[in-house]
Amino acid sequence: MAKRNAGVMREADSDGETKLFAFFATFLTIIGFAIALLVKRDNQYVMFYAKQGLILFIIQIIALLAGMLPLIGKFAYWIILVIFVVVWIMAWINALSGEMRNTWLIGNLARKIRL
């Protein structure tokens, strides 16, 4: 059951299992998304962060494709990779916070995913 407190949604969680699943959903990106989809599909908090993990995976694919471009490809790859790592760590922190926070750059994109 999600409650609204001071503009931030908080998922009721007494044992930390929900936070752990949310963390793994962001940490493992596509694998974490698949696990969350199979095990915790009905948990709004876990799926919120699982969708962000899916967006992180898409960013990884974009970085790899950018790296294949001639001339500017290697530069673009490293820029996207640095942004990915920063956002990835932010997603971990948000997932462990117990609050449904939009992670910078990916949060609004993830909210648009309907499952």
N, C-alpha and C. Protein backbone atom coordinates (compact mmCIF):
# COMPACT_ATOMS: atom_id res chain seq x y z
N MET A 1 0.85 -1.16 0.00
CA MET A 1 0.00 0.00 0.00
C MET A 1 0.90 1.23 0.00
N ALA A 2 0.73 2.09 -0.95
CA ALA A 2 1.55 3.30 -1.04
C ALA A 2 0.81 4.45 -0.37
N LYS A 3 1.54 5.28 0.37
CA LYS A 3 0.99 6.46 1.02
C LYS A 3 1.69 7.69 0.47
N ARG A 4 0.98 8.81 0.48
CA ARG A 4 1.57 10.06 0.01
C ARG A 4 1.96 10.89 1.22
N ASN A 5 3.24 11.18 1.39
CA ASN A 5 3.76 12.00 2.49
C ASN A 5 4.60 13.12 1.92
N ALA A 6 4.19 14.34 2.15
CA ALA A 6 4.96 15.52 1.76
C ALA A 6 5.42 15.46 0.31
N GLY A 7 4.56 14.99 -0.58
CA GLY A 7 4.90 14.97 -2.00
C GLY A 7 5.76 13.80 -2.42
N VAL A 8 6.07 12.87 -1.51
CA VAL A 8 6.90 11.72 -1.84
C VAL A 8 6.10 10.46 -1.54
N MET A 9 6.07 9.54 -2.48
CA MET A 9 5.35 8.30 -2.25
C MET A 9 6.24 7.36 -1.45
N ARG A 10 5.67 6.72 -0.44
CA ARG A 10 6.42 5.78 0.39
C ARG A 10 5.69 4.45 0.39
N GLU A 11 6.40 3.39 0.13
CA GLU A 11 5.85 2.05 0.11
C GLU A 11 6.02 1.43 1.50
N ALA A 12 4.93 0.88 2.03
CA ALA A 12 4.99 0.22 3.33
C ALA A 12 5.94 -0.96 3.24
N ASP A 13 6.94 -1.02 4.11
CA ASP A 13 7.94 -2.08 4.07
C ASP A 13 8.49 -2.28 5.46
N SER A 14 8.28 -3.44 6.04
CA SER A 14 8.75 -3.68 7.39
C SER A 14 10.04 -4.47 7.44
N ASP A 15 10.31 -5.33 6.48
CA ASP A 15 11.47 -6.22 6.58
C ASP A 15 12.59 -5.92 5.61
N GLY A 16 12.43 -4.98 4.74
CA GLY A 16 13.51 -4.61 3.83
C GLY A 16 13.55 -5.44 2.56
N GLU A 17 12.73 -6.46 2.45
CA GLU A 17 12.75 -7.30 1.24
C GLU A 17 12.40 -6.50 0.00
N THR A 18 11.44 -5.61 0.14
CA THR A 18 11.03 -4.79 -0.99
C THR A 18 12.17 -3.90 -1.45
N LYS A 19 12.87 -3.28 -0.50
CA LYS A 19 14.01 -2.42 -0.85
C LYS A 19 15.11 -3.23 -1.53
N LEU A 20 15.33 -4.45 -1.04
CA LEU A 20 16.36 -5.30 -1.61
C LEU A 20 16.03 -5.67 -3.06
N PHE A 21 14.79 -6.05 -3.32
CA PHE A 21 14.38 -6.35 -4.68
C PHE A 21 14.49 -5.13 -5.58
N ALA A 22 14.12 -3.96 -5.06
CA ALA A 22 14.23 -2.73 -5.84
C ALA A 22 15.70 -2.43 -6.16
N PHE A 23 16.58 -2.63 -5.17
CA PHE A 23 18.01 -2.41 -5.39
C PHE A 23 18.53 -3.34 -6.48
N PHE A 24 18.21 -4.63 -6.38
CA PHE A 24 18.69 -5.58 -7.38
C PHE A 24 18.10 -5.30 -8.76
N ALA A 25 16.88 -4.77 -8.80
CA ALA A 25 16.28 -4.43 -10.09
C ALA A 25 17.07 -3.34 -10.80
N THR A 26 17.62 -2.38 -10.03
CA THR A 26 18.44 -1.33 -10.64
C THR A 26 19.88 -1.79 -10.84
N PHE A 27 20.42 -2.53 -9.88
CA PHE A 27 21.81 -2.97 -9.94
C PHE A 27 22.05 -3.92 -11.12
N LEU A 28 21.13 -4.84 -11.35
CA LEU A 28 21.30 -5.85 -12.39
C LEU A 28 20.67 -5.45 -13.72
N THR A 29 20.13 -4.29 -13.83
CA THR A 29 19.47 -3.71 -15.01
C THR A 29 18.49 -4.71 -15.65
N ILE A 30 18.80 -5.27 -16.80
CA ILE A 30 17.83 -6.10 -17.53
C ILE A 30 17.54 -7.40 -16.78
N ILE A 31 18.53 -7.98 -16.16
CA ILE A 31 18.31 -9.22 -15.39
C ILE A 31 17.46 -8.91 -14.16
N GLY A 32 17.75 -7.81 -13.50
CA GLY A 32 16.96 -7.39 -12.36
C GLY A 32 15.52 -7.07 -12.75
N PHE A 33 15.35 -6.47 -13.93
CA PHE A 33 14.01 -6.18 -14.43
C PHE A 33 13.24 -7.48 -14.63
N ALA A 34 13.89 -8.47 -15.24
CA ALA A 34 13.23 -9.76 -15.49
C ALA A 34 12.86 -10.46 -14.19
N ILE A 35 13.77 -10.44 -13.22
CA ILE A 35 13.50 -11.07 -11.93
C ILE A 35 12.33 -10.37 -11.24
N ALA A 36 12.34 -9.05 -11.23
CA ALA A 36 11.25 -8.29 -10.61
C ALA A 36 9.93 -8.58 -11.31
N LEU A 37 9.96 -8.67 -12.60
CA LEU A 37 8.75 -8.94 -13.37
C LEU A 37 8.18 -10.32 -13.03
N LEU A 38 9.05 -11.29 -12.83
CA LEU A 38 8.60 -12.65 -12.51
C LEU A 38 8.18 -12.81 -11.05
N VAL A 39 8.91 -12.17 -10.13
CA VAL A 39 8.70 -12.43 -8.70
C VAL A 39 7.85 -11.37 -8.00
N LYS A 40 8.03 -10.11 -8.35
CA LYS A 40 7.38 -9.01 -7.62
C LYS A 40 6.55 -8.10 -8.54
N ARG A 41 5.93 -8.68 -9.53
CA ARG A 41 5.17 -7.88 -10.50
C ARG A 41 4.07 -7.04 -9.84
N ASP A 42 3.49 -7.53 -8.76
CA ASP A 42 2.39 -6.82 -8.09
C ASP A 42 2.87 -5.76 -7.10
N ASN A 43 4.18 -5.68 -6.87
CA ASN A 43 4.72 -4.71 -5.92
C ASN A 43 5.05 -3.41 -6.66
N GLN A 44 4.30 -2.38 -6.38
CA GLN A 44 4.45 -1.10 -7.08
C GLN A 44 5.85 -0.51 -6.88
N TYR A 45 6.39 -0.61 -5.68
CA TYR A 45 7.71 -0.04 -5.38
C TYR A 45 8.81 -0.75 -6.18
N VAL A 46 8.81 -2.06 -6.18
CA VAL A 46 9.83 -2.82 -6.90
C VAL A 46 9.73 -2.56 -8.40
N MET A 47 8.52 -2.56 -8.93
CA MET A 47 8.37 -2.34 -10.36
C MET A 47 8.74 -0.92 -10.76
N PHE A 48 8.55 0.04 -9.87
CA PHE A 48 8.97 1.42 -10.14
C PHE A 48 10.47 1.45 -10.44
N TYR A 49 11.26 0.76 -9.63
CA TYR A 49 12.70 0.75 -9.83
C TYR A 49 13.13 -0.26 -10.89
N ALA A 50 12.35 -1.31 -11.10
CA ALA A 50 12.67 -2.27 -12.16
C ALA A 50 12.59 -1.58 -13.53
N LYS A 51 11.60 -0.71 -13.69
CA LYS A 51 11.47 0.03 -14.95
C LYS A 51 12.67 0.96 -15.14
N GLN A 52 13.17 1.53 -14.05
CA GLN A 52 14.37 2.36 -14.17
C GLN A 52 15.57 1.49 -14.55
N GLY A 53 15.62 0.27 -14.04
CA GLY A 53 16.68 -0.67 -14.43
C GLY A 53 16.62 -0.98 -15.92
N LEU A 54 15.41 -1.10 -16.45
CA LEU A 54 15.25 -1.33 -17.88
C LEU A 54 15.77 -0.15 -18.70
N ILE A 55 15.47 1.05 -18.26
CA ILE A 55 15.98 2.25 -18.94
C ILE A 55 17.51 2.29 -18.86
N LEU A 56 18.08 1.91 -17.74
CA LEU A 56 19.54 1.85 -17.61
C LEU A 56 20.15 0.88 -18.61
N PHE A 57 19.50 -0.25 -18.80
CA PHE A 57 19.97 -1.23 -19.79
C PHE A 57 19.95 -0.62 -21.19
N ILE A 58 18.89 0.11 -21.51
CA ILE A 58 18.78 0.75 -22.83
C ILE A 58 19.91 1.76 -23.01
N ILE A 59 20.26 2.49 -21.94
CA ILE A 59 21.38 3.44 -22.01
C ILE A 59 22.69 2.69 -22.30
N GLN A 60 22.86 1.51 -21.71
CA GLN A 60 24.06 0.71 -21.99
C GLN A 60 24.14 0.34 -23.47
N ILE A 61 23.02 -0.06 -24.03
CA ILE A 61 22.99 -0.43 -25.45
C ILE A 61 23.31 0.79 -26.32
N ILE A 62 22.74 1.94 -25.97
CA ILE A 62 23.03 3.17 -26.72
C ILE A 62 24.52 3.50 -26.66
N ALA A 63 25.13 3.34 -25.48
CA ALA A 63 26.57 3.61 -25.34
C ALA A 63 27.38 2.68 -26.24
N LEU A 64 27.01 1.40 -26.27
CA LEU A 64 27.74 0.46 -27.13
C LEU A 64 27.58 0.81 -28.61
N LEU A 65 26.38 1.17 -28.99
CA LEU A 65 26.16 1.55 -30.40
C LEU A 65 26.90 2.84 -30.75
N ALA A 66 26.92 3.79 -29.82
CA ALA A 66 27.64 5.04 -30.06
C ALA A 66 29.14 4.77 -30.21
N GLY A 67 29.65 3.82 -29.46
CA GLY A 67 31.06 3.47 -29.54
C GLY A 67 31.47 2.93 -30.89
N MET A 68 30.51 2.45 -31.66
CA MET A 68 30.81 1.90 -32.98
C MET A 68 30.89 2.96 -34.07
N LEU A 69 30.48 4.17 -33.76
CA LEU A 69 30.52 5.25 -34.76
C LEU A 69 31.95 5.68 -35.02
N PRO A 70 32.28 5.96 -36.27
CA PRO A 70 33.63 6.44 -36.56
C PRO A 70 33.84 7.86 -36.02
N LEU A 71 35.05 8.20 -35.75
CA LEU A 71 35.50 9.50 -35.26
C LEU A 71 34.98 9.84 -33.86
N ILE A 72 33.76 10.27 -33.78
CA ILE A 72 33.21 10.75 -32.52
C ILE A 72 32.72 9.61 -31.61
N GLY A 73 32.68 8.40 -32.12
CA GLY A 73 32.12 7.27 -31.40
C GLY A 73 32.76 6.99 -30.06
N LYS A 74 34.06 6.95 -29.99
CA LYS A 74 34.75 6.66 -28.72
C LYS A 74 34.49 7.75 -27.69
N PHE A 75 34.49 8.98 -28.12
CA PHE A 75 34.21 10.10 -27.22
C PHE A 75 32.78 10.00 -26.69
N ALA A 76 31.83 9.76 -27.60
CA ALA A 76 30.42 9.63 -27.20
C ALA A 76 30.24 8.46 -26.25
N TYR A 77 30.93 7.35 -26.54
CA TYR A 77 30.85 6.17 -25.68
C TYR A 77 31.25 6.51 -24.24
N TRP A 78 32.37 7.19 -24.07
CA TRP A 78 32.86 7.51 -22.73
C TRP A 78 31.97 8.51 -22.01
N ILE A 79 31.43 9.47 -22.74
CA ILE A 79 30.50 10.44 -22.13
C ILE A 79 29.24 9.73 -21.65
N ILE A 80 28.66 8.90 -22.51
CA ILE A 80 27.45 8.16 -22.13
C ILE A 80 27.74 7.21 -20.98
N LEU A 81 28.90 6.59 -21.00
CA LEU A 81 29.27 5.65 -19.92
C LEU A 81 29.40 6.36 -18.58
N VAL A 82 29.99 7.53 -18.55
CA VAL A 82 30.11 8.29 -17.30
C VAL A 82 28.73 8.69 -16.79
N ILE A 83 27.88 9.16 -17.69
CA ILE A 83 26.51 9.52 -17.30
C ILE A 83 25.78 8.28 -16.78
N PHE A 84 25.97 7.14 -17.45
CA PHE A 84 25.34 5.89 -17.02
C PHE A 84 25.75 5.53 -15.60
N VAL A 85 27.03 5.57 -15.30
CA VAL A 85 27.51 5.19 -13.97
C VAL A 85 26.93 6.12 -12.90
N VAL A 86 26.89 7.40 -13.17
CA VAL A 86 26.34 8.36 -12.20
C VAL A 86 24.86 8.07 -11.95
N VAL A 87 24.10 7.88 -13.01
CA VAL A 87 22.66 7.61 -12.87
C VAL A 87 22.43 6.25 -12.22
N TRP A 88 23.24 5.28 -12.55
CA TRP A 88 23.14 3.93 -11.99
C TRP A 88 23.30 3.98 -10.47
N ILE A 89 24.31 4.68 -9.99
CA ILE A 89 24.54 4.80 -8.54
C ILE A 89 23.40 5.58 -7.88
N MET A 90 22.92 6.61 -8.54
CA MET A 90 21.78 7.36 -8.00
C MET A 90 20.55 6.46 -7.87
N ALA A 91 20.34 5.58 -8.84
CA ALA A 91 19.20 4.66 -8.81
C ALA A 91 19.33 3.69 -7.63
N TRP A 92 20.54 3.22 -7.34
CA TRP A 92 20.74 2.33 -6.19
C TRP A 92 20.33 3.03 -4.91
N ILE A 93 20.82 4.25 -4.76
CA ILE A 93 20.54 5.02 -3.54
C ILE A 93 19.04 5.26 -3.40
N ASN A 94 18.40 5.64 -4.49
CA ASN A 94 16.96 5.87 -4.45
C ASN A 94 16.20 4.58 -4.12
N ALA A 95 16.61 3.46 -4.70
CA ALA A 95 15.92 2.19 -4.46
C ALA A 95 16.02 1.77 -2.99
N LEU A 96 17.14 2.06 -2.36
CA LEU A 96 17.33 1.69 -0.96
C LEU A 96 16.73 2.69 0.01
N SER A 97 16.24 3.82 -0.50
CA SER A 97 15.71 4.88 0.36
C SER A 97 14.35 4.55 0.95
N GLY A 98 13.61 3.68 0.30
CA GLY A 98 12.27 3.38 0.76
C GLY A 98 11.23 4.33 0.19
N GLU A 99 11.64 5.26 -0.64
CA GLU A 99 10.74 6.24 -1.26
C GLU A 99 10.80 6.09 -2.78
N MET A 100 9.68 6.31 -3.41
CA MET A 100 9.62 6.24 -4.87
C MET A 100 10.06 7.59 -5.43
N ARG A 101 11.34 7.72 -5.65
CA ARG A 101 11.93 8.96 -6.17
C ARG A 101 12.28 8.80 -7.64
N ASN A 102 12.01 9.81 -8.41
CA ASN A 102 12.47 9.80 -9.80
C ASN A 102 13.97 9.97 -9.82
N THR A 103 14.65 9.03 -10.42
CA THR A 103 16.09 9.15 -10.59
C THR A 103 16.34 10.11 -11.75
N TRP A 104 17.32 10.99 -11.57
CA TRP A 104 17.64 12.00 -12.58
C TRP A 104 17.79 11.34 -13.95
N LEU A 105 17.23 11.93 -14.95
CA LEU A 105 17.34 11.56 -16.35
C LEU A 105 16.49 10.35 -16.76
N ILE A 106 16.26 9.39 -15.87
CA ILE A 106 15.55 8.18 -16.27
C ILE A 106 14.19 8.01 -15.60
N GLY A 107 13.95 8.70 -14.51
CA GLY A 107 12.73 8.50 -13.74
C GLY A 107 11.45 8.75 -14.53
N ASN A 108 11.40 9.86 -15.24
CA ASN A 108 10.19 10.18 -16.01
C ASN A 108 10.01 9.24 -17.19
N LEU A 109 11.10 8.80 -17.79
CA LEU A 109 11.01 7.81 -18.89
C LEU A 109 10.45 6.50 -18.36
N ALA A 110 10.93 6.08 -17.20
CA ALA A 110 10.49 4.81 -16.61
C ALA A 110 9.01 4.87 -16.24
N ARG A 111 8.54 6.01 -15.79
CA ARG A 111 7.12 6.14 -15.42
C ARG A 111 6.20 5.96 -16.62
N LYS A 112 6.70 6.19 -17.81
CA LYS A 112 5.87 6.06 -19.03
C LYS A 112 5.71 4.62 -19.47
N ILE A 113 6.50 3.70 -18.92
CA ILE A 113 6.43 2.28 -19.29
C ILE A 113 5.21 1.67 -18.60
N ARG A 114 4.33 1.09 -19.38
CA ARG A 114 3.12 0.44 -18.85
C ARG A 114 3.27 -1.07 -19.01
N LEU A 115 3.10 -1.79 -17.93
CA LEU A 115 3.19 -3.26 -17.97
C LEU A 115 1.90 -3.87 -17.52
